[in-house]
C-alpha cells in the first residue's frame, strides 16, 4: 500500500519558476519539501528514489557554459544532502539510477559537450568503473540495472 508520494514540483510566478523535491501522504495531506524550491540552474534534475525509499539521487547542472553536472544524494527524512565524488571523474557526472539493492549506481560521466561513458560505482562515491564505449555528449543514455543487479541496460 502506498503511504507517501515523492515528486519534483514546479511553482510559477511572474517571470520566475522554482523547482523542488517534495513528499506528501497518499491522501494529499502532509506536504513538505525535501529540497526547498530553487531557481535555475540549482534545479534537481532526473531524481531517482532509492529502492528502500530513504534517499534520492539527482543531478545539479553547473553554471558554466558547458552545463556539466554533479550527482547528489539527499536523505528523504532529514533533507541532508551530499555530493558524490568519484576518483578519476573527468568533468561531469549525471543521470544516475540505483541498483536493486541500493548499493551501486549507474550513471553518465564525461567531458561536458564532448564525450561520455557509462559508469558503475558505489552509492557513496569512490571508485567507479567505466562500462561501454565512449560516446558523443548528445547521445545521452538512459540506463537501468537488471532485476538481479548483474547487468546494465542502456538506451541511447
Protein backbone atom coordinates (compact mmCIF):
# COMPACT_ATOMS: atom_id res chain seq x y z
CA UNK A 1 0.00 0.00 0.00
CA UNK A 2 1.37 3.41 -0.98
CA UNK A 3 1.55 5.75 2.01
CA UNK A 4 3.60 8.61 0.58
CA UNK A 5 4.44 10.06 -2.80
CA UNK A 6 7.70 11.78 -3.69
CA UNK A 7 7.77 14.16 -6.64
CA UNK A 8 9.59 17.05 -8.27
CA UNK A 9 7.31 20.07 -8.29
CA UNK A 10 7.39 23.41 -10.05
CA UNK A 11 5.85 26.70 -8.99
CA UNK A 12 5.41 29.55 -11.44
CA UNK A 13 5.23 33.22 -10.70
CA UNK A 14 5.69 36.40 -12.71
CA UNK A 15 8.95 35.80 -14.58
CA UNK A 16 10.23 33.02 -12.32
CA UNK A 17 9.89 29.25 -11.94
CA UNK A 18 11.17 27.32 -8.95
CA UNK A 19 11.67 23.57 -8.62
CA UNK A 20 11.90 21.39 -5.54
CA UNK A 21 11.58 17.80 -4.35
CA UNK A 22 8.54 17.11 -2.17
CA UNK A 23 6.85 14.36 -0.19
CA UNK A 24 3.12 14.10 0.51
CA UNK A 25 0.87 11.45 2.05
CA UNK A 26 -1.18 9.46 -0.45
CA UNK A 27 -4.35 11.21 0.80
CA UNK A 28 -2.87 14.62 -0.15
CA UNK A 29 -2.05 15.79 3.38
CA UNK A 30 1.31 16.49 4.97
CA UNK A 31 3.05 18.14 2.02
CA UNK A 32 6.66 19.08 2.84
CA UNK A 33 9.76 19.97 0.88
CA UNK A 34 12.66 17.53 0.87
CA UNK A 35 14.68 20.05 -1.15
CA UNK A 36 13.24 23.57 -0.98
CA UNK A 37 12.24 25.26 -4.23
CA UNK A 38 15.10 26.86 -6.16
CA UNK A 39 15.57 28.62 -9.49
CA UNK A 40 17.67 27.50 -12.47
CA UNK A 41 20.37 26.28 -12.55
CA UNK A 42 20.13 24.88 -8.98
CA UNK A 43 17.23 22.65 -10.04
CA UNK A 44 17.28 18.96 -9.08
CA UNK A 45 17.15 17.03 -12.37
CA UNK A 46 16.43 13.37 -13.04
CA UNK A 47 15.65 12.44 -9.42
CA UNK A 48 15.59 8.72 -8.65
CA UNK A 49 14.29 7.21 -5.40
CA UNK A 50 16.42 4.52 -3.74
CA UNK A 51 14.93 1.01 -3.61
CA UNK A 52 14.33 1.33 0.16
CA UNK A 53 12.71 4.78 -0.24
CA UNK A 54 15.10 6.59 2.11
CA UNK A 55 17.27 8.54 -0.37
CA UNK A 56 17.02 10.35 -3.68
CA UNK A 57 19.87 10.72 -6.15
CA UNK A 58 19.71 13.66 -8.57
CA UNK A 59 21.80 15.83 -10.88
CA UNK A 60 22.58 19.52 -10.44
CA UNK A 61 23.79 21.32 -13.54
CA UNK A 62 26.81 23.58 -13.31
CA UNK A 63 26.53 27.29 -14.01
CA UNK A 64 29.32 27.45 -16.57
CA UNK A 65 28.91 27.48 -20.35
CA UNK A 66 29.36 23.70 -20.64
CA UNK A 67 26.50 22.81 -18.30
CA UNK A 68 28.07 19.63 -16.96
CA UNK A 69 26.58 18.08 -13.87
CA UNK A 70 27.25 16.76 -10.40
CA UNK A 71 25.45 13.94 -8.59
CA UNK A 72 23.92 14.49 -5.15
CA UNK A 73 22.15 12.21 -2.70
CA UNK A 74 19.54 13.61 -0.29
CA UNK A 75 18.03 11.86 2.72
CA UNK A 76 14.22 11.88 2.39
CA UNK A 77 13.54 12.33 6.13
CA UNK A 78 16.21 14.87 7.10
CA UNK A 79 16.85 16.71 3.82
CA UNK A 80 20.60 16.32 4.39
CA UNK A 81 22.40 16.19 1.05
CA UNK A 82 25.92 15.48 -0.11
CA UNK A 83 27.75 15.45 -3.41
CA UNK A 84 29.05 12.15 -4.81
CA UNK A 85 32.71 12.27 -5.73
CA UNK A 86 34.27 9.56 -7.88
CA UNK A 87 38.00 9.07 -8.40
CA UNK A 88 39.05 9.97 -11.93
CA UNK A 89 35.90 11.90 -12.77
CA UNK A 90 36.59 13.92 -15.88
CA UNK A 91 34.18 16.84 -15.59
CA UNK A 92 30.58 15.78 -15.39
CA UNK A 93 28.66 13.02 -13.56
CA UNK A 94 24.93 12.93 -14.19
CA UNK A 95 21.70 10.95 -14.67
CA UNK A 96 22.07 8.11 -12.18
CA UNK A 97 19.91 5.06 -11.47
CA UNK A 98 20.06 2.76 -8.42
CA UNK A 99 20.97 -0.92 -8.36
CA UNK A 100 18.18 -3.13 -6.98
CA UNK A 101 19.95 -3.49 -3.61
CA UNK A 102 20.72 0.25 -3.39
CA UNK A 103 24.48 -0.24 -3.06
CA UNK A 104 25.54 0.96 -6.53
CA UNK A 105 24.53 3.42 -9.21
CA UNK A 106 24.93 3.52 -12.97
CA UNK A 107 25.47 7.00 -14.38
CA UNK A 108 26.80 9.08 -17.26
CA UNK A 109 30.25 10.62 -16.80
CA UNK A 110 32.47 12.53 -19.14
CA UNK A 111 33.53 15.88 -20.51
CA UNK A 112 30.50 18.14 -20.96
CA UNK A 113 29.70 18.89 -24.59
CA UNK A 114 32.34 16.42 -25.82
CA UNK A 115 32.19 12.77 -24.78
CA UNK A 116 30.95 10.49 -22.04
CA UNK A 117 30.95 6.93 -20.76
CA UNK A 118 28.56 4.95 -18.68
CA UNK A 119 29.99 4.11 -15.27
CA UNK A 120 29.01 1.96 -12.29
CA UNK A 121 30.11 2.92 -8.79
CA UNK A 122 29.24 2.71 -5.11
CA UNK A 123 26.43 4.98 -3.94
CA UNK A 124 28.78 6.72 -1.51
CA UNK A 125 31.24 7.73 -4.24
CA UNK A 126 34.81 6.48 -4.57
CA UNK A 127 35.96 4.24 -7.40
CA UNK A 128 33.70 3.90 -10.44
CA UNK A 129 34.21 1.58 -13.40
CA UNK A 130 33.60 2.86 -16.93
CA UNK A 131 31.47 0.48 -18.98
CA UNK A 132 30.59 0.51 -22.63
CA UNK A 133 32.11 2.60 -25.41
CA UNK A 134 33.00 6.30 -25.49
CA UNK A 135 30.00 8.19 -26.88
CA UNK A 136 29.33 11.71 -28.14
CA UNK A 137 27.83 14.01 -25.50
CA UNK A 138 24.48 14.33 -27.27
CA UNK A 139 23.92 10.54 -27.28
CA UNK A 140 22.74 10.74 -23.61
CA UNK A 141 22.00 7.25 -22.32
CA UNK A 142 19.00 6.28 -20.22
CA UNK A 143 20.04 3.35 -18.04
CA UNK A 144 18.77 0.72 -15.62
CA UNK A 145 20.09 -2.30 -13.77
CA UNK A 146 18.70 -5.79 -14.41
CA UNK A 147 16.45 -7.05 -11.59
CA UNK A 148 19.32 -9.11 -10.12
CA UNK A 149 21.79 -6.20 -10.40
CA UNK A 150 24.27 -8.13 -12.52
CA UNK A 151 23.76 -6.22 -15.79
CA UNK A 152 23.03 -2.72 -17.05
CA UNK A 153 20.77 -1.86 -19.96
CA UNK A 154 21.20 1.42 -21.80
CA UNK A 155 19.09 3.26 -24.37
CA UNK A 156 20.96 5.86 -26.40
